[in-house]
PDB file of all heavy atoms in Angstrom:
ATOM      1  N   GLY A   1    -187.669 -38.981   8.823  1.00  0.00           N
ATOM      2  CA  GLY A   1    -188.737 -40.058   8.961  1.00  0.00           C
ATOM      3  C   GLY A   1    -190.059 -39.442   9.278  1.00  0.00           C
ATOM      4  O   GLY A   1    -191.082 -40.144   9.184  1.00  0.00           O
ATOM      5  N   TYR A   2    -190.231 -38.194   9.538  1.00  0.00           N
ATOM      6  CA  TYR A   2    -191.462 -37.579   9.935  1.00  0.00           C
ATOM      7  C   TYR A   2    -192.157 -37.176   8.608  1.00  0.00           C
ATOM      8  O   TYR A   2    -191.413 -36.915   7.665  1.00  0.00           O
ATOM      9  CB  TYR A   2    -191.172 -36.271  10.784  1.00  0.00           C
ATOM     10  CG  TYR A   2    -191.358 -36.671  12.360  1.00  0.00           C
ATOM     11  CD1 TYR A   2    -190.501 -37.731  12.851  1.00  0.00           C
ATOM     12  CD2 TYR A   2    -191.948 -35.819  13.109  1.00  0.00           C
ATOM     13  CE1 TYR A   2    -190.626 -37.984  14.124  1.00  0.00           C
ATOM     14  CE2 TYR A   2    -191.938 -36.045  14.507  1.00  0.00           C
ATOM     15  CZ  TYR A   2    -191.285 -37.072  15.112  1.00  0.00           C
ATOM     16  OH  TYR A   2    -191.350 -37.498  16.412  1.00  0.00           O
ATOM     17  N   PRO A   3    -193.503 -37.120   8.644  1.00  0.00           N
ATOM     18  CA  PRO A   3    -194.143 -36.594   7.429  1.00  0.00           C
ATOM     19  C   PRO A   3    -193.768 -35.184   7.119  1.00  0.00           C
ATOM     20  O   PRO A   3    -193.356 -34.423   7.889  1.00  0.00           O
ATOM     21  CB  PRO A   3    -195.635 -36.893   7.718  1.00  0.00           C
ATOM     22  CG  PRO A   3    -195.725 -36.842   9.202  1.00  0.00           C
ATOM     23  CD  PRO A   3    -194.379 -37.331   9.739  1.00  0.00           C
ATOM     24  N   ASP A   4    -194.079 -34.740   5.854  1.00  0.00           N
ATOM     25  CA  ASP A   4    -193.867 -33.493   5.380  1.00  0.00           C
ATOM     26  C   ASP A   4    -194.895 -32.502   6.008  1.00  0.00           C
ATOM     27  O   ASP A   4    -194.701 -31.274   5.941  1.00  0.00           O
ATOM     28  CB  ASP A   4    -193.986 -33.253   3.868  1.00  0.00           C
ATOM     29  CG  ASP A   4    -192.759 -34.003   3.163  1.00  0.00           C
ATOM     30  OD1 ASP A   4    -191.623 -34.049   3.779  1.00  0.00           O
ATOM     31  OD2 ASP A   4    -192.979 -34.546   1.998  1.00  0.00           O
ATOM     32  N   GLY A   5    -195.989 -32.989   6.479  1.00  0.00           N
ATOM     33  CA  GLY A   5    -197.008 -32.135   7.156  1.00  0.00           C
ATOM     34  C   GLY A   5    -197.925 -33.015   7.864  1.00  0.00           C
ATOM     35  O   GLY A   5    -197.944 -34.255   7.874  1.00  0.00           O
ATOM     36  N   PHE A   6    -198.841 -32.364   8.629  1.00  0.00           N
ATOM     37  CA  PHE A   6    -199.896 -32.994   9.470  1.00  0.00           C
ATOM     38  C   PHE A   6    -201.244 -32.444   9.137  1.00  0.00           C
ATOM     39  O   PHE A   6    -201.418 -31.431   8.524  1.00  0.00           O
ATOM     40  CB  PHE A   6    -199.505 -32.707  10.989  1.00  0.00           C
ATOM     41  CG  PHE A   6    -198.176 -33.189  11.355  1.00  0.00           C
ATOM     42  CD1 PHE A   6    -197.103 -32.309  11.514  1.00  0.00           C
ATOM     43  CD2 PHE A   6    -197.875 -34.517  11.588  1.00  0.00           C
ATOM     44  CE1 PHE A   6    -195.868 -32.698  12.003  1.00  0.00           C
ATOM     45  CE2 PHE A   6    -196.555 -34.924  11.941  1.00  0.00           C
ATOM     46  CZ  PHE A   6    -195.626 -33.993  12.180  1.00  0.00           C
ATOM     47  N   ASP A   7    -202.254 -33.254   9.589  1.00  0.00           N
ATOM     48  CA  ASP A   7    -203.551 -32.779   9.430  1.00  0.00           C
ATOM     49  C   ASP A   7    -203.792 -31.620  10.453  1.00  0.00           C
ATOM     50  O   ASP A   7    -204.766 -30.903  10.408  1.00  0.00           O
ATOM     51  CB  ASP A   7    -204.610 -33.911   9.788  1.00  0.00           C
ATOM     52  CG  ASP A   7    -204.560 -34.916   8.559  1.00  0.00           C
ATOM     53  OD1 ASP A   7    -204.397 -34.444   7.430  1.00  0.00           O
ATOM     54  OD2 ASP A   7    -204.865 -36.063   8.873  1.00  0.00           O
ATOM     55  N   GLY A   8    -203.020 -31.588  11.539  1.00  0.00           N
ATOM     56  CA  GLY A   8    -203.126 -30.581  12.534  1.00  0.00           C
ATOM     57  C   GLY A   8    -202.041 -30.749  13.613  1.00  0.00           C
ATOM     58  O   GLY A   8    -201.264 -31.846  13.548  1.00  0.00           O
ATOM     59  N   TRP A   9    -201.808 -29.801  14.465  1.00  0.00           N
ATOM     60  CA  TRP A   9    -200.780 -29.963  15.482  1.00  0.00           C
ATOM     61  C   TRP A   9    -201.117 -28.975  16.623  1.00  0.00           C
ATOM     62  O   TRP A   9    -201.860 -27.973  16.446  1.00  0.00           O
ATOM     63  CB  TRP A   9    -199.289 -29.752  14.990  1.00  0.00           C
ATOM     64  CG  TRP A   9    -199.235 -28.453  14.114  1.00  0.00           C
ATOM     65  CD1 TRP A   9    -199.377 -28.353  12.890  1.00  0.00           C
ATOM     66  CD2 TRP A   9    -198.808 -27.212  14.797  1.00  0.00           C
ATOM     67  NE1 TRP A   9    -199.166 -26.957  12.522  1.00  0.00           N
ATOM     68  CE2 TRP A   9    -198.708 -26.236  13.648  1.00  0.00           C
ATOM     69  CE3 TRP A   9    -198.521 -26.761  16.012  1.00  0.00           C
ATOM     70  CZ2 TRP A   9    -198.468 -24.925  13.850  1.00  0.00           C
ATOM     71  CZ3 TRP A   9    -198.234 -25.419  16.188  1.00  0.00           C
ATOM     72  CH2 TRP A   9    -198.180 -24.573  15.103  1.00  0.00           C
ATOM     73  N   GLY A  10    -200.554 -29.211  17.760  1.00  0.00           N
ATOM     74  CA  GLY A  10    -200.651 -28.405  18.861  1.00  0.00           C
ATOM     75  C   GLY A  10    -200.337 -29.016  20.238  1.00  0.00           C
ATOM     76  O   GLY A  10    -199.748 -30.209  20.127  1.00  0.00           O
ATOM     77  N   CYS A  11    -200.515 -28.223  21.256  1.00  0.00           N
ATOM     78  CA  CYS A  11    -200.109 -28.831  22.616  1.00  0.00           C
ATOM     79  C   CYS A  11    -201.120 -29.732  23.130  1.00  0.00           C
ATOM     80  O   CYS A  11    -202.356 -29.403  23.192  1.00  0.00           O
ATOM     81  CB  CYS A  11    -199.809 -27.690  23.542  1.00  0.00           C
ATOM     82  SG  CYS A  11    -198.349 -26.756  23.151  1.00  0.00           S
ATOM     83  N   ILE A  12    -200.817 -30.874  23.655  1.00  0.00           N
ATOM     84  CA  ILE A  12    -201.622 -31.814  24.255  1.00  0.00           C
ATOM     85  C   ILE A  12    -202.054 -31.250  25.699  1.00  0.00           C
ATOM     86  O   ILE A  12    -201.231 -30.941  26.472  1.00  0.00           O
ATOM     87  CB  ILE A  12    -200.958 -33.205  24.431  1.00  0.00           C
ATOM     88  CG1 ILE A  12    -200.709 -33.818  23.044  1.00  0.00           C
ATOM     89  CG2 ILE A  12    -201.895 -34.201  25.325  1.00  0.00           C
ATOM     90  CD1 ILE A  12    -199.990 -35.094  23.072  1.00  0.00           C
ATOM     91  N   ASP A  13    -203.446 -31.165  25.808  1.00  0.00           N
ATOM     92  CA  ASP A  13    -203.939 -30.852  27.083  1.00  0.00           C
ATOM     93  C   ASP A  13    -204.215 -31.970  27.918  1.00  0.00           C
ATOM     94  O   ASP A  13    -204.142 -32.004  29.223  1.00  0.00           O
ATOM     95  CB  ASP A  13    -205.157 -29.869  26.911  1.00  0.00           C
ATOM     96  CG  ASP A  13    -204.863 -28.543  26.187  1.00  0.00           C
ATOM     97  OD1 ASP A  13    -203.866 -27.988  26.543  1.00  0.00           O
ATOM     98  OD2 ASP A  13    -205.676 -28.199  25.323  1.00  0.00           O
ATOM     99  N   ARG A  14    -204.752 -33.022  27.269  1.00  0.00           N
ATOM    100  CA  ARG A  14    -205.137 -34.261  28.036  1.00  0.00           C
ATOM    101  C   ARG A  14    -205.134 -35.397  27.115  1.00  0.00           C
ATOM    102  O   ARG A  14    -205.615 -35.201  25.914  1.00  0.00           O
ATOM    103  CB  ARG A  14    -206.463 -34.066  28.632  1.00  0.00           C
ATOM    104  CG  ARG A  14    -206.970 -35.252  29.428  1.00  0.00           C
ATOM    105  CD  ARG A  14    -208.233 -34.929  30.292  1.00  0.00           C
ATOM    106  NE  ARG A  14    -209.314 -34.259  29.491  1.00  0.00           N
ATOM    107  CZ  ARG A  14    -210.223 -34.837  28.752  1.00  0.00           C
ATOM    108  NH1 ARG A  14    -210.225 -36.154  28.721  1.00  0.00           N
ATOM    109  NH2 ARG A  14    -211.184 -34.183  28.178  1.00  0.00           N
ATOM    110  N   ILE A  15    -204.842 -36.600  27.460  1.00  0.00           N
ATOM    111  CA  ILE A  15    -204.993 -37.741  26.544  1.00  0.00           C
ATOM    112  C   ILE A  15    -205.441 -38.920  27.387  1.00  0.00           C
ATOM    113  O   ILE A  15    -204.934 -39.209  28.528  1.00  0.00           O
ATOM    114  CB  ILE A  15    -203.559 -38.120  25.829  1.00  0.00           C
ATOM    115  CG1 ILE A  15    -203.784 -39.192  24.755  1.00  0.00           C
ATOM    116  CG2 ILE A  15    -202.438 -38.350  26.901  1.00  0.00           C
ATOM    117  CD1 ILE A  15    -202.586 -39.332  23.843  1.00  0.00           C
ATOM    118  N   THR A  16    -206.450 -39.679  26.752  1.00  0.00           N
ATOM    119  CA  THR A  16    -206.880 -40.942  27.398  1.00  0.00           C
ATOM    120  C   THR A  16    -206.772 -42.020  26.320  1.00  0.00           C
ATOM    121  O   THR A  16    -206.200 -41.811  25.253  1.00  0.00           O
ATOM    122  CB  THR A  16    -208.353 -40.741  27.823  1.00  0.00           C
ATOM    123  OG1 THR A  16    -209.207 -40.514  26.626  1.00  0.00           O
ATOM    124  CG2 THR A  16    -208.497 -39.643  28.814  1.00  0.00           C
ATOM    125  N   ASP A  17    -207.383 -43.226  26.663  1.00  0.00           N
ATOM    126  CA  ASP A  17    -207.317 -44.279  25.630  1.00  0.00           C
ATOM    127  C   ASP A  17    -208.114 -44.075  24.352  1.00  0.00           C
ATOM    128  O   ASP A  17    -207.867 -44.623  23.333  1.00  0.00           O
ATOM    129  CB  ASP A  17    -207.714 -45.602  26.310  1.00  0.00           C
ATOM    130  CG  ASP A  17    -206.687 -46.099  27.347  1.00  0.00           C
ATOM    131  OD1 ASP A  17    -205.586 -45.780  27.214  1.00  0.00           O
ATOM    132  OD2 ASP A  17    -207.114 -46.799  28.191  1.00  0.00           O
ATOM    133  N   ASP A  18    -209.152 -43.254  24.494  1.00  0.00           N
ATOM    134  CA  ASP A  18    -210.004 -43.172  23.293  1.00  0.00           C
ATOM    135  C   ASP A  18    -210.094 -41.597  22.842  1.00  0.00           C
ATOM    136  O   ASP A  18    -210.785 -41.396  21.830  1.00  0.00           O
ATOM    137  CB  ASP A  18    -211.493 -43.526  23.552  1.00  0.00           C
ATOM    138  CG  ASP A  18    -211.967 -42.919  24.876  1.00  0.00           C
ATOM    139  OD1 ASP A  18    -211.318 -42.270  25.557  1.00  0.00           O
ATOM    140  OD2 ASP A  18    -213.241 -43.190  25.014  1.00  0.00           O
ATOM    141  N   GLU A  19    -209.532 -40.704  23.441  1.00  0.00           N
ATOM    142  CA  GLU A  19    -209.502 -39.297  22.939  1.00  0.00           C
ATOM    143  C   GLU A  19    -208.263 -38.516  23.343  1.00  0.00           C
ATOM    144  O   GLU A  19    -207.537 -38.949  24.316  1.00  0.00           O
ATOM    145  CB  GLU A  19    -210.803 -38.590  23.450  1.00  0.00           C
ATOM    146  CG  GLU A  19    -210.700 -38.127  24.794  1.00  0.00           C
ATOM    147  CD  GLU A  19    -211.793 -37.065  25.249  1.00  0.00           C
ATOM    148  OE1 GLU A  19    -212.471 -36.605  24.438  1.00  0.00           O
ATOM    149  OE2 GLU A  19    -211.902 -36.944  26.437  1.00  0.00           O
ATOM    150  N   VAL A  20    -208.082 -37.494  22.743  1.00  0.00           N
ATOM    151  CA  VAL A  20    -206.945 -36.508  22.979  1.00  0.00           C
ATOM    152  C   VAL A  20    -207.519 -35.131  22.865  1.00  0.00           C
ATOM    153  O   VAL A  20    -208.241 -34.894  22.032  1.00  0.00           O
ATOM    154  CB  VAL A  20    -205.690 -36.726  22.109  1.00  0.00           C
ATOM    155  CG1 VAL A  20    -205.984 -36.404  20.628  1.00  0.00           C
ATOM    156  CG2 VAL A  20    -204.582 -35.879  22.605  1.00  0.00           C
ATOM    157  N   VAL A  21    -207.083 -34.309  23.854  1.00  0.00           N
ATOM    158  CA  VAL A  21    -207.465 -32.883  23.787  1.00  0.00           C
ATOM    159  C   VAL A  21    -206.198 -32.098  23.360  1.00  0.00           C
ATOM    160  O   VAL A  21    -205.129 -32.125  24.022  1.00  0.00           O
ATOM    161  CB  VAL A  21    -208.058 -32.303  25.127  1.00  0.00           C
ATOM    162  CG1 VAL A  21    -208.365 -30.845  24.993  1.00  0.00           C
ATOM    163  CG2 VAL A  21    -209.320 -33.196  25.403  1.00  0.00           C
ATOM    164  N   ILE A  22    -206.191 -31.430  22.261  1.00  0.00           N
ATOM    165  CA  ILE A  22    -205.183 -30.576  21.742  1.00  0.00           C
ATOM    166  C   ILE A  22    -205.536 -29.192  21.550  1.00  0.00           C
ATOM    167  O   ILE A  22    -206.530 -29.015  20.799  1.00  0.00           O
ATOM    168  CB  ILE A  22    -204.497 -31.213  20.336  1.00  0.00           C
ATOM    169  CG1 ILE A  22    -204.026 -32.627  20.679  1.00  0.00           C
ATOM    170  CG2 ILE A  22    -203.540 -30.294  19.832  1.00  0.00           C
ATOM    171  CD1 ILE A  22    -203.484 -33.361  19.373  1.00  0.00           C
ATOM    172  N   ASP A  23    -205.058 -28.366  22.227  1.00  0.00           N
ATOM    173  CA  ASP A  23    -205.314 -26.882  22.195  1.00  0.00           C
ATOM    174  C   ASP A  23    -206.813 -26.626  22.443  1.00  0.00           C
ATOM    175  O   ASP A  23    -207.550 -26.005  21.794  1.00  0.00           O
ATOM    176  CB  ASP A  23    -204.857 -26.298  20.901  1.00  0.00           C
ATOM    177  CG  ASP A  23    -203.429 -26.067  20.783  1.00  0.00           C
ATOM    178  OD1 ASP A  23    -202.700 -26.150  21.871  1.00  0.00           O
ATOM    179  OD2 ASP A  23    -202.856 -26.008  19.610  1.00  0.00           O
ATOM    180  N   ASP A  24    -207.410 -27.305  23.467  1.00  0.00           N
ATOM    181  CA  ASP A  24    -208.739 -27.191  23.873  1.00  0.00           C
ATOM    182  C   ASP A  24    -209.740 -27.782  22.913  1.00  0.00           C
ATOM    183  O   ASP A  24    -210.900 -27.586  23.029  1.00  0.00           O
ATOM    184  CB  ASP A  24    -209.150 -25.831  24.143  1.00  0.00           C
ATOM    185  CG  ASP A  24    -208.274 -25.171  25.341  1.00  0.00           C
ATOM    186  OD1 ASP A  24    -207.931 -25.931  26.323  1.00  0.00           O
ATOM    187  OD2 ASP A  24    -207.922 -23.997  25.311  1.00  0.00           O
ATOM    188  N   VAL A  25    -209.305 -28.609  22.021  1.00  0.00           N
ATOM    189  CA  VAL A  25    -210.167 -29.353  21.031  1.00  0.00           C
ATOM    190  C   VAL A  25    -210.072 -30.813  21.227  1.00  0.00           C
ATOM    191  O   VAL A  25    -208.996 -31.403  21.194  1.00  0.00           O
ATOM    192  CB  VAL A  25    -209.872 -28.949  19.622  1.00  0.00           C
ATOM    193  CG1 VAL A  25    -210.691 -29.654  18.573  1.00  0.00           C
ATOM    194  CG2 VAL A  25    -209.889 -27.442  19.344  1.00  0.00           C
ATOM    195  N   SER A  26    -211.222 -31.491  21.581  1.00  0.00           N
ATOM    196  CA  SER A  26    -211.296 -32.905  21.869  1.00  0.00           C
ATOM    197  C   SER A  26    -211.382 -33.658  20.591  1.00  0.00           C
ATOM    198  O   SER A  26    -212.279 -33.280  19.707  1.00  0.00           O
ATOM    199  CB  SER A  26    -212.464 -33.331  22.754  1.00  0.00           C
ATOM    200  OG  SER A  26    -212.534 -34.610  22.960  1.00  0.00           O
ATOM    201  N   MET A  27    -210.435 -34.648  20.337  1.00  0.00           N
ATOM    202  CA  MET A  27    -210.593 -35.458  19.062  1.00  0.00           C
ATOM    203  C   MET A  27    -210.503 -36.942  19.351  1.00  0.00           C
ATOM    204  O   MET A  27    -209.744 -37.228  20.384  1.00  0.00           O
ATOM    205  CB  MET A  27    -209.487 -34.967  18.133  1.00  0.00           C
ATOM    206  CG  MET A  27    -209.654 -33.636  17.617  1.00  0.00           C
ATOM    207  SD  MET A  27    -208.113 -33.169  16.674  1.00  0.00           S
ATOM    208  CE  MET A  27    -207.180 -32.467  18.021  1.00  0.00           C
ATOM    209  N   ALA A  28    -211.311 -37.693  18.736  1.00  0.00           N
ATOM    210  CA  ALA A  28    -211.254 -39.135  18.917  1.00  0.00           C
ATOM    211  C   ALA A  28    -209.941 -39.801  18.490  1.00  0.00           C
ATOM    212  O   ALA A  28    -209.498 -39.358  17.347  1.00  0.00           O
ATOM    213  CB  ALA A  28    -212.499 -39.793  18.296  1.00  0.00           C
ATOM    214  N   LEU A  29    -209.546 -40.840  19.104  1.00  0.00           N
ATOM    215  CA  LEU A  29    -208.386 -41.610  18.730  1.00  0.00           C
ATOM    216  C   LEU A  29    -208.853 -42.855  18.042  1.00  0.00           C
ATOM    217  O   LEU A  29    -209.920 -43.383  18.440  1.00  0.00           O
ATOM    218  CB  LEU A  29    -207.510 -42.081  19.910  1.00  0.00           C
ATOM    219  CG  LEU A  29    -206.837 -40.774  20.599  1.00  0.00           C
ATOM    220  CD1 LEU A  29    -206.069 -41.378  21.797  1.00  0.00           C
ATOM    221  CD2 LEU A  29    -205.785 -40.096  19.771  1.00  0.00           C
ATOM    222  N   ALA A  30    -208.277 -43.354  17.011  1.00  0.00           N
ATOM    223  CA  ALA A  30    -208.605 -44.602  16.323  1.00  0.00           C
ATOM    224  C   ALA A  30    -208.294 -45.718  17.344  1.00  0.00           C
ATOM    225  O   ALA A  30    -207.604 -45.592  18.266  1.00  0.00           O
ATOM    226  CB  ALA A  30    -207.802 -44.728  14.987  1.00  0.00           C
ATOM    227  N   ARG A  31    -209.027 -46.773  16.970  1.00  0.00           N
ATOM    228  CA  ARG A  31    -208.676 -48.164  17.900  1.00  0.00           C
ATOM    229  C   ARG A  31    -207.382 -48.495  17.786  1.00  0.00           C
ATOM    230  O   ARG A  31    -206.707 -48.904  18.882  1.00  0.00           O
ATOM    231  CB  ARG A  31    -209.647 -49.251  17.354  1.00  0.00           C
ATOM    232  CG  ARG A  31    -211.041 -49.014  17.641  1.00  0.00           C
ATOM    233  CD  ARG A  31    -211.845 -50.123  17.068  1.00  0.00           C
ATOM    234  NE  ARG A  31    -211.383 -51.432  17.265  1.00  0.00           N
ATOM    235  CZ  ARG A  31    -211.941 -52.503  17.699  1.00  0.00           C
ATOM    236  NH1 ARG A  31    -213.193 -52.316  18.104  1.00  0.00           N
ATOM    237  NH2 ARG A  31    -211.313 -53.645  17.942  1.00  0.00           N
ATOM    238  N   ILE A  32    -206.594 -48.414  16.613  1.00  0.00           N
ATOM    239  CA  ILE A  32    -205.267 -48.686  16.635  1.00  0.00           C
ATOM    240  C   ILE A  32    -204.452 -47.405  16.247  1.00  0.00           C
ATOM    241  O   ILE A  32    -204.728 -46.762  15.171  1.00  0.00           O
ATOM    242  CB  ILE A  32    -204.870 -49.770  15.559  1.00  0.00           C
ATOM    243  CG1 ILE A  32    -205.596 -51.056  15.811  1.00  0.00           C
ATOM    244  CG2 ILE A  32    -203.413 -49.949  15.376  1.00  0.00           C
ATOM    245  CD1 ILE A  32    -205.504 -52.150  14.773  1.00  0.00           C
ATOM    246  N   ILE A  33    -203.688 -46.890  17.070  1.00  0.00           N
ATOM    247  CA  ILE A  33    -202.939 -45.617  16.810  1.00  0.00           C
ATOM    248  C   ILE A  33    -201.519 -45.819  16.926  1.00  0.00           C
ATOM    249  O   ILE A  33    -200.979 -46.663  17.751  1.00  0.00           O
ATOM    250  CB  ILE A  33    -203.388 -44.561  17.923  1.00  0.00           C
ATOM    251  CG1 ILE A  33    -202.805 -43.178  17.584  1.00  0.00           C
ATOM    252  CG2 ILE A  33    -203.227 -44.973  19.395  1.00  0.00           C
ATOM    253  CD1 ILE A  33    -203.391 -42.087  18.302  1.00  0.00           C
TER     254      ILE A  33
END
């Protein structure tokens, strides 16, 4: 049931309601995730 691939992957360093930090890179989360 998992996809064949991802846009990226890594270890979560921190996660909030509007962003996630994965491998020291901050990325915005969509409103509906």
